[in-house]
Amino acid sequence: MPPKLVLKRDPGITLETLHEDDHVLAISKPFGVLAHPSPGFWHKGTMAHALVERVPEEMLQERGNHNEWDSFIPRCIVHRLDAGTTGVMVIAKSPLAEKGLTAQLRAADMLWGHSSGKKVYVAVLLGHPGGSQSCITALGKIGRNPQNPKVWAVTADGKPAKTVFRVHAFSKKHGLSLVTAEIFTGRTHQIRVHAAHLGSPVANDHLYTQKRFELPSLGRLPERRQLLHAWLLDLEHPDTQRRILLRAALPPDMAGVVQRVWPELSLDPAAWPGMLARFQSQQSVQRLTDVEVRCMAWWDASPEGRAWLRDRDAWLKRKRDDCDGDPKQRGKNKRNHRNPSPGGRDPSVFPRCEEGEEEVGHGHLVEAGRASESSERREASRGAGKPRKSVVTFAFSVDEA
């Protein structure tokens, strides 16, 4: 690694933004882009170079707590995708997010005994992985291939791994399966290894199969472009503790395959046959009632409401500062500020809706606390720099059609 490497922005990389706030940036990674600098890519061609001027400088510093001597991994990079894989990546924009996201992603790679995972990929496979079965669970342990240490394989002495493949469509004419792969562990090349072990490797994966993939109407894909896409990532926001469901639309090459082989299917995986309800798109938009709008306006304008917001914001600031402070002081602050609710009107007796969640899909954000257009205009008329959060929190969903 070059001494004292300073990252410079690479204007040649365009990133689609799925979600962004003061702590978290979620993007859809394009094909051919590495996550971080490594030999041959020290000065351009990686996600880290594309993030210069988009994240604070402190988050572009070398992380240092890894054993990859030939890599420069900045603090903002909390997980990775292969260069040939597209899809959702989440970036830490603050130390709070770095700590929170890292812990969650590590936990997401250890969900062996859980009924649901946090990461879902879309893949096109050669052949059918389960014969007549539409849901196949792969449990083969993954380790270095004894015949070729540069690749991975299912081995007896490997690390436990679990992938659930769900076949949403199969084309006998083309010999292709359209699947989602939900992973419960985080092994290198896990989906590619398990798919190949089942006899249905990922299409165009030159590392794990010698079978050629080509559709005459689409032409040949780049050699290192396996048809694998990180479609969904289910996390908790490190600051607000609200759920964020991140989705990345299919890239043009995979969308072209779906249109050519399965023209009757939607390009939104959430609408595919056999998709689990927890992965499906919301089809309705919930609006504030007139009573809720009047109640929120009254609370925001009242002396009690303004005082509550000031005290709430001060408490949240102390809470964030604790994450970077001395551990002993952190514990002391927890004891001193165990009950952050200030005096004044009791928010527990104030009308409120069910707690909402943040959902991101195909670049659209649903944010709890973001009210109707009338409330947004009200915030703008106040001259506020950012939308304020009220004690009254409302849940919204989005029509992703």
Protein backbone atom coordinates (compact mmCIF):
# COMPACT_ATOMS: atom_id res chain seq x y z
CA MET A 1 0.00 0.00 0.00
CA PRO A 2 1.39 3.45 -0.88
CA PRO A 3 2.54 5.35 2.23
CA LYS A 4 0.10 8.00 3.46
CA LEU A 5 -2.45 7.31 0.75
CA VAL A 6 -4.87 10.22 0.31
CA LEU A 7 -8.07 9.41 -1.52
CA LYS A 8 -9.05 11.61 -4.44
CA ARG A 9 -12.47 11.73 -6.04
CA ASP A 10 -13.05 9.58 -9.13
CA PRO A 11 -15.59 11.48 -11.31
CA GLY A 12 -15.95 8.47 -13.58
CA ILE A 13 -18.05 6.54 -11.05
CA THR A 14 -21.75 7.37 -10.80
CA LEU A 15 -23.60 6.16 -7.72
CA GLU A 16 -27.38 5.92 -7.49
CA THR A 17 -28.49 7.19 -4.08
CA LEU A 18 -31.17 5.12 -2.34
CA HIS A 19 -31.14 6.97 0.99
CA GLU A 20 -29.05 9.66 2.67
CA ASP A 21 -29.09 11.51 5.98
CA ASP A 22 -26.49 12.84 8.42
CA HIS A 23 -25.39 9.34 9.44
CA VAL A 24 -26.22 6.87 6.68
CA LEU A 25 -25.73 6.82 2.91
CA ALA A 26 -27.17 3.92 0.91
CA ILE A 27 -26.28 3.51 -2.75
CA SER A 28 -26.69 1.01 -5.57
CA LYS A 29 -23.22 -0.16 -6.55
CA PRO A 30 -22.65 -0.52 -10.31
CA PHE A 31 -20.81 -3.36 -12.00
CA GLY A 32 -17.02 -3.32 -12.08
CA VAL A 33 -16.46 -1.09 -9.05
CA LEU A 34 -14.42 -2.38 -6.11
CA ALA A 35 -15.39 -1.47 -2.56
CA HIS A 36 -12.00 0.00 -1.54
CA PRO A 37 -8.45 0.59 -2.86
CA SER A 38 -6.17 -2.41 -3.39
CA PRO A 39 -3.27 -3.23 -5.74
CA GLY A 40 -4.01 -1.77 -9.17
CA PHE A 41 -6.76 0.47 -7.79
CA TRP A 42 -4.97 2.79 -5.39
CA HIS A 43 -5.93 6.05 -7.10
CA LYS A 44 -9.26 5.39 -8.84
CA GLY A 45 -11.93 2.83 -9.62
CA THR A 46 -13.40 2.11 -6.17
CA MET A 47 -16.37 3.07 -4.04
CA ALA A 48 -14.02 4.85 -1.65
CA HIS A 49 -12.83 7.18 -4.45
CA ALA A 50 -16.43 7.89 -5.48
CA LEU A 51 -17.31 8.85 -1.88
CA VAL A 52 -14.74 11.64 -1.60
CA GLU A 53 -16.60 14.94 -0.97
CA ARG A 54 -19.74 12.95 -0.13
CA VAL A 55 -18.74 11.77 3.34
CA PRO A 56 -16.75 13.62 6.05
CA GLU A 57 -12.95 13.41 5.77
CA GLU A 58 -12.63 11.58 9.08
CA MET A 59 -14.68 8.72 7.63
CA LEU A 60 -12.27 8.42 4.69
CA GLN A 61 -9.34 7.65 6.98
CA GLU A 62 -7.88 4.13 7.05
CA ARG A 63 -9.80 1.92 9.45
CA GLY A 64 -6.73 0.03 10.59
CA ASN A 65 -8.53 -2.73 12.51
CA HIS A 66 -8.21 -5.39 9.79
CA ASN A 67 -5.57 -7.88 8.67
CA GLU A 68 -5.61 -7.10 4.95
CA TRP A 69 -2.13 -5.63 4.55
CA ASP A 70 -2.63 -5.00 0.81
CA SER A 71 -5.87 -3.01 1.20
CA PHE A 72 -6.83 0.52 2.22
CA ILE A 73 -10.24 0.24 3.91
CA PRO A 74 -11.71 3.60 4.98
CA ARG A 75 -13.95 3.86 8.03
CA CYS A 76 -17.03 4.59 5.92
CA ILE A 77 -16.88 1.14 4.27
CA VAL A 78 -18.65 -1.23 6.67
CA HIS A 79 -19.32 -4.11 4.25
CA ARG A 80 -18.42 -5.10 0.70
CA LEU A 81 -19.71 -6.53 -2.57
CA ASP A 82 -17.61 -8.23 -5.24
CA ALA A 83 -16.66 -6.05 -8.20
CA GLY A 84 -18.88 -8.18 -10.47
CA THR A 85 -21.90 -7.97 -8.16
CA THR A 86 -24.27 -4.99 -8.21
CA GLY A 87 -26.75 -3.68 -5.66
CA VAL A 88 -27.31 -2.20 -2.22
CA MET A 89 -24.37 -0.97 -0.17
CA VAL A 90 -24.70 1.06 3.03
CA ILE A 91 -22.07 3.66 3.93
CA ALA A 92 -21.30 5.14 7.36
CA LYS A 93 -21.10 8.94 7.40
CA SER A 94 -20.41 9.31 11.13
CA PRO A 95 -18.61 7.42 13.92
CA LEU A 96 -22.02 6.61 15.40
CA ALA A 97 -23.12 5.00 12.14
CA GLU A 98 -19.78 3.20 11.74
CA LYS A 99 -20.20 1.54 15.12
CA GLY A 100 -23.89 0.77 14.78
CA LEU A 101 -23.84 -0.51 11.19
CA THR A 102 -20.72 -2.62 11.74
CA ALA A 103 -22.34 -4.34 14.72
CA GLN A 104 -25.56 -5.00 12.80
CA LEU A 105 -23.85 -6.33 9.70
CA ARG A 106 -21.71 -8.66 11.79
CA ALA A 107 -24.84 -9.89 13.54
CA ALA A 108 -26.55 -10.33 10.16
CA ASP A 109 -23.78 -12.75 9.20
CA MET A 110 -24.53 -14.96 12.22
CA LEU A 111 -28.26 -15.68 11.80
CA TRP A 112 -27.82 -19.42 11.36
CA GLY A 113 -30.71 -20.34 13.64
CA HIS A 114 -33.04 -17.50 12.68
CA SER A 115 -36.11 -17.79 10.45
CA SER A 116 -35.32 -14.64 8.45
CA GLY A 117 -32.14 -13.00 7.20
CA LYS A 118 -31.15 -9.40 6.61
CA LYS A 119 -29.73 -9.68 3.07
CA VAL A 120 -31.56 -10.83 -0.07
CA TYR A 121 -29.98 -11.15 -3.51
CA VAL A 122 -31.48 -11.72 -6.96
CA ALA A 123 -29.69 -14.17 -9.25
CA VAL A 124 -30.10 -15.88 -12.59
CA LEU A 125 -28.97 -19.52 -12.34
CA LEU A 126 -28.11 -22.07 -15.01
CA GLY A 127 -30.60 -24.91 -14.66
CA HIS A 128 -32.96 -25.49 -11.73
CA PRO A 129 -31.33 -25.74 -8.28
CA GLY A 130 -34.07 -27.86 -6.71
CA GLY A 131 -35.59 -30.02 -9.41
CA SER A 132 -39.30 -29.71 -8.66
CA GLN A 133 -38.81 -27.77 -5.41
CA SER A 134 -39.28 -24.00 -5.35
CA CYS A 135 -37.51 -23.43 -2.01
CA ILE A 136 -34.08 -24.92 -1.40
CA THR A 137 -31.96 -24.47 1.73
CA ALA A 138 -28.21 -24.90 1.21
CA LEU A 139 -26.26 -25.69 4.38
CA GLY A 140 -22.88 -26.76 3.00
CA LYS A 141 -19.84 -25.53 4.95
CA ILE A 142 -17.61 -23.19 2.93
CA GLY A 143 -13.82 -23.19 2.90
CA ARG A 144 -10.87 -22.90 0.51
CA ASN A 145 -10.99 -25.28 -2.44
CA PRO A 146 -8.27 -27.91 -1.83
CA GLN A 147 -7.59 -28.13 -5.58
CA ASN A 148 -7.51 -24.35 -6.11
CA PRO A 149 -6.93 -22.16 -3.02
CA LYS A 150 -7.87 -19.04 -5.00
CA VAL A 151 -11.55 -20.05 -4.98
CA TRP A 152 -13.97 -21.40 -2.40
CA ALA A 153 -15.97 -24.60 -2.19
CA VAL A 154 -18.25 -26.67 0.04
CA THR A 155 -15.84 -28.58 2.28
CA ALA A 156 -16.13 -30.78 5.35
CA ASP A 157 -13.88 -28.54 7.44
CA GLY A 158 -15.27 -25.21 6.22
CA LYS A 159 -17.25 -22.60 8.13
CA PRO A 160 -21.03 -23.00 8.58
CA ALA A 161 -23.07 -21.27 5.90
CA LYS A 162 -26.78 -21.04 5.14
CA THR A 163 -28.48 -19.81 1.97
CA VAL A 164 -32.18 -20.12 1.13
CA PHE A 165 -32.90 -20.11 -2.62
CA ARG A 166 -36.45 -19.38 -3.78
CA VAL A 167 -37.22 -20.09 -7.44
CA HIS A 168 -39.67 -17.50 -8.77
CA ALA A 169 -39.56 -18.53 -12.44
CA PHE A 170 -37.95 -21.22 -14.59
CA SER A 171 -37.49 -21.25 -18.35
CA LYS A 172 -37.16 -24.75 -19.79
CA LYS A 173 -36.42 -23.26 -23.21
CA HIS A 174 -33.41 -21.30 -21.97
CA GLY A 175 -32.52 -23.56 -19.04
CA LEU A 176 -32.52 -20.61 -16.61
CA SER A 177 -33.95 -20.01 -13.14
CA LEU A 178 -34.83 -16.63 -11.66
CA VAL A 179 -34.24 -16.82 -7.92
CA THR A 180 -33.82 -14.81 -4.76
CA ALA A 181 -31.13 -15.91 -2.32
CA GLU A 182 -31.59 -15.00 1.33
CA ILE A 183 -28.35 -15.39 3.26
CA PHE A 184 -28.04 -16.06 6.98
CA THR A 185 -24.23 -16.11 7.16
CA GLY A 186 -21.55 -14.01 5.50
CA ARG A 187 -19.03 -16.30 3.79
CA THR A 188 -16.91 -15.20 0.82
CA HIS A 189 -18.72 -15.99 -2.46
CA GLN A 190 -21.39 -17.78 -0.42
CA ILE A 191 -24.25 -17.63 -2.94
CA ARG A 192 -21.98 -18.45 -5.87
CA VAL A 193 -20.46 -21.45 -4.06
CA HIS A 194 -23.78 -22.83 -2.85
CA ALA A 195 -25.42 -22.38 -6.26
CA ALA A 196 -22.56 -24.18 -8.00
CA HIS A 197 -22.66 -26.97 -5.40
CA LEU A 198 -26.37 -27.48 -6.16
CA GLY A 199 -25.51 -27.91 -9.83
CA SER A 200 -27.02 -24.57 -10.88
CA PRO A 201 -24.21 -21.99 -10.89
CA VAL A 202 -24.85 -18.27 -11.25
CA ALA A 203 -25.10 -17.40 -14.93
CA ASN A 204 -21.91 -15.93 -16.45
CA ASP A 205 -19.88 -16.79 -13.35
CA HIS A 206 -16.57 -17.75 -14.99
CA LEU A 207 -14.98 -18.47 -11.61
CA TYR A 208 -17.35 -21.28 -10.59
CA THR A 209 -18.54 -22.76 -13.88
CA GLN A 210 -17.26 -23.49 -17.37
CA LYS A 211 -20.76 -23.30 -18.84
CA ARG A 212 -21.19 -20.37 -21.20
CA PHE A 213 -24.12 -18.00 -20.90
CA GLU A 214 -25.35 -16.01 -23.86
CA LEU A 215 -28.70 -14.73 -25.08
CA PRO A 216 -28.59 -13.83 -28.79
CA SER A 217 -30.73 -10.71 -28.40
CA LEU A 218 -28.58 -9.36 -25.55
CA GLY A 219 -25.09 -10.28 -26.68
CA ARG A 220 -22.30 -11.43 -24.40
CA LEU A 221 -21.91 -9.97 -20.92
CA PRO A 222 -18.55 -8.83 -19.55
CA GLU A 223 -16.41 -11.76 -18.41
CA ARG A 224 -16.50 -10.95 -14.70
CA ARG A 225 -20.18 -9.99 -14.58
CA GLN A 226 -21.96 -12.81 -12.77
CA LEU A 227 -25.72 -12.23 -12.79
CA LEU A 228 -25.99 -11.56 -9.07
CA HIS A 229 -27.56 -8.45 -7.55
CA ALA A 230 -27.87 -7.37 -3.90
CA TRP A 231 -31.54 -6.44 -3.96
CA LEU A 232 -32.55 -5.90 -0.32
CA LEU A 233 -30.90 -4.97 2.96
CA ASP A 234 -32.90 -4.82 6.19
CA LEU A 235 -31.28 -2.73 8.95
CA GLU A 236 -31.99 -0.53 11.96
CA HIS A 237 -30.97 3.12 11.67
CA PRO A 238 -28.01 3.66 14.03
CA ASP A 239 -29.33 7.02 15.25
CA THR A 240 -33.12 6.81 15.22
CA GLN A 241 -33.32 3.03 15.80
CA ARG A 242 -36.04 2.89 13.16
CA ARG A 243 -36.10 0.10 10.60
CA ILE A 244 -34.81 0.97 7.13
CA LEU A 245 -35.57 -1.41 4.30
CA LEU A 246 -33.20 -0.68 1.42
CA ARG A 247 -33.95 -1.93 -2.08
CA ALA A 248 -31.97 -1.47 -5.29
CA ALA A 249 -33.73 -1.80 -8.65
CA LEU A 250 -32.41 -4.41 -11.07
CA PRO A 251 -29.50 -3.11 -13.17
CA PRO A 252 -30.02 -2.86 -16.96
CA ASP A 253 -28.26 -6.13 -17.81
CA MET A 254 -30.32 -8.25 -15.40
CA ALA A 255 -33.51 -6.37 -16.28
CA GLY A 256 -32.79 -7.19 -19.93
CA VAL A 257 -32.50 -10.90 -19.12
CA VAL A 258 -35.80 -10.87 -17.22
CA GLN A 259 -37.57 -9.05 -20.07
CA ARG A 260 -36.16 -11.43 -22.68
CA VAL A 261 -36.73 -14.71 -20.84
CA TRP A 262 -39.75 -13.90 -18.66
CA PRO A 263 -41.57 -11.00 -20.41
CA GLU A 264 -44.69 -11.56 -18.31
CA LEU A 265 -42.85 -10.72 -15.05
CA SER A 266 -42.49 -7.31 -13.43
CA LEU A 267 -39.02 -5.81 -13.13
CA ASP A 268 -39.74 -5.28 -9.43
CA PRO A 269 -38.71 -8.48 -7.61
CA ALA A 270 -41.24 -7.71 -4.87
CA ALA A 271 -44.03 -8.52 -7.36
CA TRP A 272 -42.65 -11.90 -8.48
CA PRO A 273 -44.63 -15.11 -7.85
CA GLY A 274 -43.83 -16.72 -4.52
CA MET A 275 -42.27 -13.60 -2.98
CA LEU A 276 -42.60 -13.56 0.80
CA ALA A 277 -44.96 -10.93 2.22
CA ARG A 278 -42.19 -9.31 4.26
CA PHE A 279 -40.31 -8.51 1.03
CA GLN A 280 -43.27 -7.23 -0.96
CA SER A 281 -43.75 -3.55 -1.78
CA GLN A 282 -46.34 -1.46 0.02
CA GLN A 283 -49.18 -0.67 -2.37
CA SER A 284 -50.92 2.16 -0.52
CA VAL A 285 -50.05 5.62 0.71
CA GLN A 286 -51.30 6.56 4.16
CA ARG A 287 -52.08 10.21 4.78
CA LEU A 288 -52.58 12.24 7.93
CA THR A 289 -56.16 12.78 8.96
CA ASP A 290 -57.40 16.33 9.50
CA VAL A 291 -57.47 15.73 13.26
CA GLU A 292 -53.85 14.52 13.25
CA VAL A 293 -52.73 17.55 11.24
CA ARG A 294 -54.47 19.97 13.66
CA CYS A 295 -53.09 18.15 16.71
CA MET A 296 -49.54 18.23 15.36
CA ALA A 297 -49.79 21.92 14.44
CA TRP A 298 -51.13 22.76 17.90
CA TRP A 299 -48.38 20.82 19.67
CA ASP A 300 -45.56 22.31 17.55
CA ALA A 301 -46.84 25.84 18.23
CA SER A 302 -47.42 25.41 21.96
CA PRO A 303 -44.83 26.49 24.59
CA GLU A 304 -44.87 22.96 25.99
CA GLY A 305 -44.18 21.47 22.56
CA ARG A 306 -41.27 23.82 21.82
CA ALA A 307 -39.76 23.18 25.26
CA TRP A 308 -40.12 19.41 24.83
CA LEU A 309 -38.39 19.54 21.44
CA ARG A 310 -35.47 21.58 22.83
CA ASP A 311 -34.96 19.19 25.73
CA ARG A 312 -35.37 16.15 23.48
CA ASP A 313 -32.74 17.46 21.03
CA ALA A 314 -30.33 18.22 23.88
CA TRP A 315 -30.75 14.71 25.27
CA LEU A 316 -30.16 13.13 21.84
CA LYS A 317 -26.98 15.19 21.47
CA ARG A 318 -25.71 13.92 24.82
CA LYS A 319 -26.57 10.38 23.78
CA ARG A 320 -24.60 10.70 20.53
CA ASP A 321 -21.64 12.27 22.32
CA ASP A 322 -21.56 9.30 24.71
CA CYS A 323 -20.65 6.98 21.83
CA ASP A 324 -17.32 8.76 21.35
CA GLY A 325 -16.58 9.60 24.98
CA ASP A 326 -14.86 7.83 27.83
CA PRO A 327 -16.53 4.46 28.70
CA LYS A 328 -16.71 5.39 32.40
CA GLN A 329 -18.32 8.71 31.59
CA ARG A 330 -20.65 6.94 29.16
CA GLY A 331 -21.97 4.78 31.97
CA LYS A 332 -22.32 7.81 34.24
CA ASN A 333 -24.32 9.64 31.58
CA LYS A 334 -26.64 6.66 31.23
CA ARG A 335 -27.37 6.79 34.96
CA ASN A 336 -27.83 10.56 34.99
CA HIS A 337 -30.05 10.69 31.92
CA ARG A 338 -32.04 7.51 32.25
CA ASN A 339 -35.32 9.40 31.89
CA PRO A 340 -35.02 11.94 29.07
CA SER A 341 -38.64 13.02 29.08
CA PRO A 342 -38.71 16.65 30.30
CA GLY A 343 -41.34 18.40 32.28
CA GLY A 344 -44.43 19.87 30.69
CA ARG A 345 -47.11 18.04 28.77
CA ASP A 346 -46.87 14.25 29.05
CA PRO A 347 -46.34 12.91 25.51
CA SER A 348 -47.83 9.55 26.50
CA VAL A 349 -51.31 11.09 26.69
CA PHE A 350 -50.95 12.98 23.42
CA PRO A 351 -52.68 11.42 20.37
CA ARG A 352 -50.22 9.47 18.24
CA CYS A 353 -50.22 6.86 15.50
CA GLU A 354 -48.38 3.58 15.44
CA GLU A 355 -44.60 3.97 15.27
CA GLY A 356 -43.51 4.01 11.64
CA GLU A 357 -40.55 2.67 9.74
CA GLU A 358 -38.26 4.04 7.10
CA GLU A 359 -38.37 2.19 3.80
CA VAL A 360 -36.22 2.83 0.76
CA GLY A 361 -37.06 1.27 -2.56
CA HIS A 362 -35.75 2.13 -5.99
CA GLY A 363 -34.53 5.49 -4.79
CA HIS A 364 -37.71 6.42 -2.88
CA LEU A 365 -37.57 7.12 0.85
CA VAL A 366 -40.38 6.78 3.35
CA GLU A 367 -39.41 8.60 6.52
CA ALA A 368 -41.35 8.48 9.75
CA GLY A 369 -42.16 12.00 10.84
CA ARG A 370 -42.31 13.38 7.29
CA ALA A 371 -45.88 14.61 7.10
CA SER A 372 -48.14 15.57 4.20
CA GLU A 373 -47.41 18.38 1.76
CA SER A 374 -49.26 20.84 3.96
CA SER A 375 -46.99 20.12 6.93
CA GLU A 376 -43.90 20.43 4.72
CA ARG A 377 -45.08 23.84 3.56
CA ARG A 378 -45.66 24.78 7.19
CA GLU A 379 -42.05 23.86 8.04
CA ALA A 380 -40.78 25.87 5.05
CA SER A 381 -42.77 28.93 6.09
CA ARG A 382 -41.05 28.82 9.49
CA GLY A 383 -37.68 29.07 7.79
CA ALA A 384 -36.37 25.93 9.45
CA GLY A 385 -33.16 24.54 8.00
CA LYS A 386 -34.29 20.91 8.48
CA PRO A 387 -37.72 19.31 9.02
CA ARG A 388 -38.30 19.12 12.76
CA LYS A 389 -39.40 15.95 14.48
CA SER A 390 -42.51 16.21 16.58
CA VAL A 391 -43.45 14.19 19.61
CA VAL A 392 -46.24 12.91 17.38
CA THR A 393 -44.76 10.36 14.98
CA PHE A 394 -46.74 9.10 12.01
CA ALA A 395 -46.06 6.10 9.77
CA PHE A 396 -46.17 6.28 5.99
CA SER A 397 -45.70 3.85 3.12
CA VAL A 398 -45.01 4.44 -0.55
CA ASP A 399 -46.46 3.21 -3.80
CA GLU A 400 -43.51 1.71 -5.65
CA ALA A 401 -45.42 1.03 -8.85
